[in-house]
C-alpha atoms as a PDB file:
ATOM      1  CA  UNK A   1       0.289   9.217  17.055  1.00  0.00           C
ATOM      2  CA  UNK A   2      -1.018   9.764  20.583  1.00  0.00           C
ATOM      3  CA  UNK A   3      -2.832   6.797  22.091  1.00  0.00           C
ATOM      4  CA  UNK A   4      -5.473   7.401  24.759  1.00  0.00           C
ATOM      5  CA  UNK A   5      -6.486   4.307  26.740  1.00  0.00           C
ATOM      6  CA  UNK A   6      -9.966   4.058  28.251  1.00  0.00           C
ATOM      7  CA  UNK A   7     -11.128   1.441  30.714  1.00  0.00           C
ATOM      8  CA  UNK A   8     -14.378  -0.300  29.822  1.00  0.00           C
ATOM      9  CA  UNK A   9     -16.219  -0.749  33.087  1.00  0.00           C
ATOM     10  CA  UNK A  10     -19.292  -2.584  31.814  1.00  0.00           C
ATOM     11  CA  UNK A  11     -18.535  -5.438  29.438  1.00  0.00           C
ATOM     12  CA  UNK A  12     -20.531  -4.589  26.304  1.00  0.00           C
ATOM     13  CA  UNK A  13     -22.714  -6.978  24.386  1.00  0.00           C
ATOM     14  CA  UNK A  14     -20.783  -7.536  21.145  1.00  0.00           C
ATOM     15  CA  UNK A  15     -24.004  -7.093  19.155  1.00  0.00           C
ATOM     16  CA  UNK A  16     -23.832  -3.346  19.784  1.00  0.00           C
ATOM     17  CA  UNK A  17     -20.834  -3.156  17.492  1.00  0.00           C
ATOM     18  CA  UNK A  18     -23.022  -4.048  14.503  1.00  0.00           C
ATOM     19  CA  UNK A  19     -25.518  -1.214  15.064  1.00  0.00           C
ATOM     20  CA  UNK A  20     -24.143   2.273  14.399  1.00  0.00           C
ATOM     21  CA  UNK A  21     -26.453   4.011  16.905  1.00  0.00           C
ATOM     22  CA  UNK A  22     -25.582   1.538  19.673  1.00  0.00           C
ATOM     23  CA  UNK A  23     -21.861   1.787  18.900  1.00  0.00           C
ATOM     24  CA  UNK A  24     -22.051   5.582  18.949  1.00  0.00           C
ATOM     25  CA  UNK A  25     -23.826   5.503  22.316  1.00  0.00           C
ATOM     26  CA  UNK A  26     -21.247   3.059  23.707  1.00  0.00           C
ATOM     27  CA  UNK A  27     -18.280   5.164  22.516  1.00  0.00           C
ATOM     28  CA  UNK A  28     -19.816   8.361  23.843  1.00  0.00           C
ATOM     29  CA  UNK A  29     -20.324   6.767  27.269  1.00  0.00           C
ATOM     30  CA  UNK A  30     -16.735   5.455  27.343  1.00  0.00           C
ATOM     31  CA  UNK A  31     -15.201   8.779  26.257  1.00  0.00           C
ATOM     32  CA  UNK A  32     -17.195  10.830  28.756  1.00  0.00           C
ATOM     33  CA  UNK A  33     -16.793   8.415  31.692  1.00  0.00           C
ATOM     34  CA  UNK A  34     -13.384   9.762  32.721  1.00  0.00           C
ATOM     35  CA  UNK A  35     -13.024  13.551  32.816  1.00  0.00           C
ATOM     36  CA  UNK A  36      -9.230  13.476  32.488  1.00  0.00           C
ATOM     37  CA  UNK A  37      -9.347  11.254  29.396  1.00  0.00           C
ATOM     38  CA  UNK A  38     -12.197  13.374  27.987  1.00  0.00           C
ATOM     39  CA  UNK A  39      -9.892  16.393  28.339  1.00  0.00           C
ATOM     40  CA  UNK A  40      -7.131  14.413  26.588  1.00  0.00           C
ATOM     41  CA  UNK A  41      -9.368  14.039  23.522  1.00  0.00           C
ATOM     42  CA  UNK A  42     -10.202  17.747  23.557  1.00  0.00           C
ATOM     43  CA  UNK A  43      -6.486  18.593  23.835  1.00  0.00           C
ATOM     44  CA  UNK A  44      -5.675  16.306  20.914  1.00  0.00           C
ATOM     45  CA  UNK A  45      -8.367  17.989  18.789  1.00  0.00           C
ATOM     46  CA  UNK A  46      -7.089  21.395  19.874  1.00  0.00           C
ATOM     47  CA  UNK A  47      -3.589  20.510  18.617  1.00  0.00           C
ATOM     48  CA  UNK A  48      -4.900  20.727  15.051  1.00  0.00           C
ATOM     49  CA  UNK A  49      -5.561  24.464  15.580  1.00  0.00           C
ATOM     50  CA  UNK A  50      -2.629  25.691  17.678  1.00  0.00           C
ATOM     51  CA  UNK A  51      -1.017  27.366  14.666  1.00  0.00           C
ATOM     52  CA  UNK A  52      -4.225  29.099  13.512  1.00  0.00           C
ATOM     53  CA  UNK A  53      -3.602  32.189  15.655  1.00  0.00           C
ATOM     54  CA  UNK A  54      -5.589  33.558  18.540  1.00  0.00           C
ATOM     55  CA  UNK A  55      -6.113  31.505  21.651  1.00  0.00           C
ATOM     56  CA  UNK A  56      -8.094  28.484  20.442  1.00  0.00           C
ATOM     57  CA  UNK A  57     -10.291  26.448  22.782  1.00  0.00           C
ATOM     58  CA  UNK A  58     -12.370  23.324  22.184  1.00  0.00           C
ATOM     59  CA  UNK A  59     -15.097  23.191  24.833  1.00  0.00           C
ATOM     60  CA  UNK A  60     -16.739  19.956  23.652  1.00  0.00           C
ATOM     61  CA  UNK A  61     -16.933  17.421  20.828  1.00  0.00           C
ATOM     62  CA  UNK A  62     -19.585  15.160  19.371  1.00  0.00           C
ATOM     63  CA  UNK A  63     -19.336  11.771  17.693  1.00  0.00           C
ATOM     64  CA  UNK A  64     -20.944  12.169  14.281  1.00  0.00           C
ATOM     65  CA  UNK A  65     -20.054   8.805  12.773  1.00  0.00           C
ATOM     66  CA  UNK A  66     -18.378   5.544  13.710  1.00  0.00           C
ATOM     67  CA  UNK A  67     -17.520   2.202  12.177  1.00  0.00           C
ATOM     68  CA  UNK A  68     -16.342  -1.093  13.659  1.00  0.00           C
ATOM     69  CA  UNK A  69     -14.953  -4.294  12.144  1.00  0.00           C
ATOM     70  CA  UNK A  70     -15.557  -7.212  14.488  1.00  0.00           C
ATOM     71  CA  UNK A  71     -12.999  -9.406  12.704  1.00  0.00           C
ATOM     72  CA  UNK A  72     -10.083  -7.049  13.363  1.00  0.00           C
ATOM     73  CA  UNK A  73     -11.574  -5.505  16.522  1.00  0.00           C
ATOM     74  CA  UNK A  74     -10.764  -2.065  15.132  1.00  0.00           C
ATOM     75  CA  UNK A  75     -12.843   0.864  14.019  1.00  0.00           C
ATOM     76  CA  UNK A  76     -12.957   4.560  13.294  1.00  0.00           C
ATOM     77  CA  UNK A  77     -14.751   7.378  15.025  1.00  0.00           C
ATOM     78  CA  UNK A  78     -15.406  10.821  13.546  1.00  0.00           C
ATOM     79  CA  UNK A  79     -15.489  13.751  15.956  1.00  0.00           C
ATOM     80  CA  UNK A  80     -17.130  17.071  15.179  1.00  0.00           C
ATOM     81  CA  UNK A  81     -16.285  20.076  17.317  1.00  0.00           C
ATOM     82  CA  UNK A  82     -16.169  23.844  17.355  1.00  0.00           C
ATOM     83  CA  UNK A  83     -12.993  25.809  17.873  1.00  0.00           C
ATOM     84  CA  UNK A  84     -13.348  29.191  19.539  1.00  0.00           C
ATOM     85  CA  UNK A  85     -10.597  31.731  18.888  1.00  0.00           C
ATOM     86  CA  UNK A  86     -10.017  34.736  21.141  1.00  0.00           C
ATOM     87  CA  UNK A  87      -7.744  37.466  19.881  1.00  0.00           C
ATOM     88  CA  UNK A  88      -6.640  40.717  21.563  1.00  0.00           C
ATOM     89  CA  UNK A  89     -10.198  41.875  22.239  1.00  0.00           C
ATOM     90  CA  UNK A  90     -12.522  39.616  24.180  1.00  0.00           C
ATOM     91  CA  UNK A  91     -15.362  40.389  21.776  1.00  0.00           C
ATOM     92  CA  UNK A  92     -13.515  38.911  18.775  1.00  0.00           C
ATOM     93  CA  UNK A  93     -14.206  35.183  19.020  1.00  0.00           C
ATOM     94  CA  UNK A  94     -14.669  33.674  15.554  1.00  0.00           C
ATOM     95  CA  UNK A  95     -15.885  30.082  15.594  1.00  0.00           C
ATOM     96  CA  UNK A  96     -14.660  27.390  13.252  1.00  0.00           C
ATOM     97  CA  UNK A  97     -16.387  24.015  12.835  1.00  0.00           C
ATOM     98  CA  UNK A  98     -14.002  21.102  12.421  1.00  0.00           C
ATOM     99  CA  UNK A  99     -14.073  17.330  12.191  1.00  0.00           C
ATOM    100  CA  UNK A 100     -11.380  14.695  12.623  1.00  0.00           C
ATOM    101  CA  UNK A 101     -11.396  10.916  12.257  1.00  0.00           C
ATOM    102  CA  UNK A 102      -9.457   8.665  14.626  1.00  0.00           C
ATOM    103  CA  UNK A 103      -8.928   4.923  14.703  1.00  0.00           C
ATOM    104  CA  UNK A 104      -9.720   2.843  17.770  1.00  0.00           C
ATOM    105  CA  UNK A 105      -9.401  -0.745  18.898  1.00  0.00           C
ATOM    106  CA  UNK A 106     -11.241  -2.654  21.589  1.00  0.00           C
ATOM    107  CA  UNK A 107      -9.640  -5.232  23.850  1.00  0.00           C
ATOM    108  CA  UNK A 108     -12.605  -6.985  25.464  1.00  0.00           C
ATOM    109  CA  UNK A 109     -10.445  -9.389  27.468  1.00  0.00           C
ATOM    110  CA  UNK A 110      -8.423  -6.500  28.948  1.00  0.00           C
ATOM    111  CA  UNK A 111     -11.536  -4.277  29.161  1.00  0.00           C
ATOM    112  CA  UNK A 112      -9.820  -1.431  27.304  1.00  0.00           C
ATOM    113  CA  UNK A 113     -10.534   0.836  24.388  1.00  0.00           C
ATOM    114  CA  UNK A 114      -7.516   2.392  22.675  1.00  0.00           C
ATOM    115  CA  UNK A 115      -8.094   5.616  20.739  1.00  0.00           C
ATOM    116  CA  UNK A 116      -5.386   6.455  18.193  1.00  0.00           C
ATOM    117  CA  UNK A 117      -5.574  10.201  17.648  1.00  0.00           C
ATOM    118  CA  UNK A 118      -4.313  11.283  14.254  1.00  0.00           C
ATOM    119  CA  UNK A 119      -1.107  13.294  14.395  1.00  0.00           C
ATOM    120  CA  UNK A 120      -1.287  16.947  13.475  1.00  0.00           C
ATOM    121  CA  UNK A 121       0.847  17.473  10.387  1.00  0.00           C
ATOM    122  CA  UNK A 122       2.455  20.869   9.992  1.00  0.00           C
ATOM    123  CA  UNK A 123       4.709  22.207   7.302  1.00  0.00           C
ATOM    124  CA  UNK A 124       8.339  22.841   8.042  1.00  0.00           C
ATOM    125  CA  UNK A 125       9.314  25.683   5.737  1.00  0.00           C
ATOM    126  CA  UNK A 126      12.962  25.435   6.767  1.00  0.00           C
ATOM    127  CA  UNK A 127      13.581  22.391   4.554  1.00  0.00           C
ATOM    128  CA  UNK A 128      11.419  23.399   1.593  1.00  0.00           C
ATOM    129  CA  UNK A 129      14.207  24.963  -0.460  1.00  0.00           C
END
């Protein structure tokens, strides 16, 4: 399970974690604050489609839902994104909508958010028989 660590530059008011819209806005700001880490999320989402054929790309993602439990300081975030596939001809670019859910935790004392990206599970046909 890849872990992507984000620095939280502005200490958030803990009340935002109880309102879904405020939490979504906070997470979106954290994820888009660092371009390299933003690309890490896109790469992790792209990993789910590497075996689908073509040359897949994920240009962007959107947070469509999020949850947070203040007692455990953990939550989940659901990303929605489009995967563009380019095959032999440049004009063949089918689009596939996808969504993935990842867990996260917030360390307010260390000013960090840890995003636990779900591992891509693939079948190994070698050991099936």
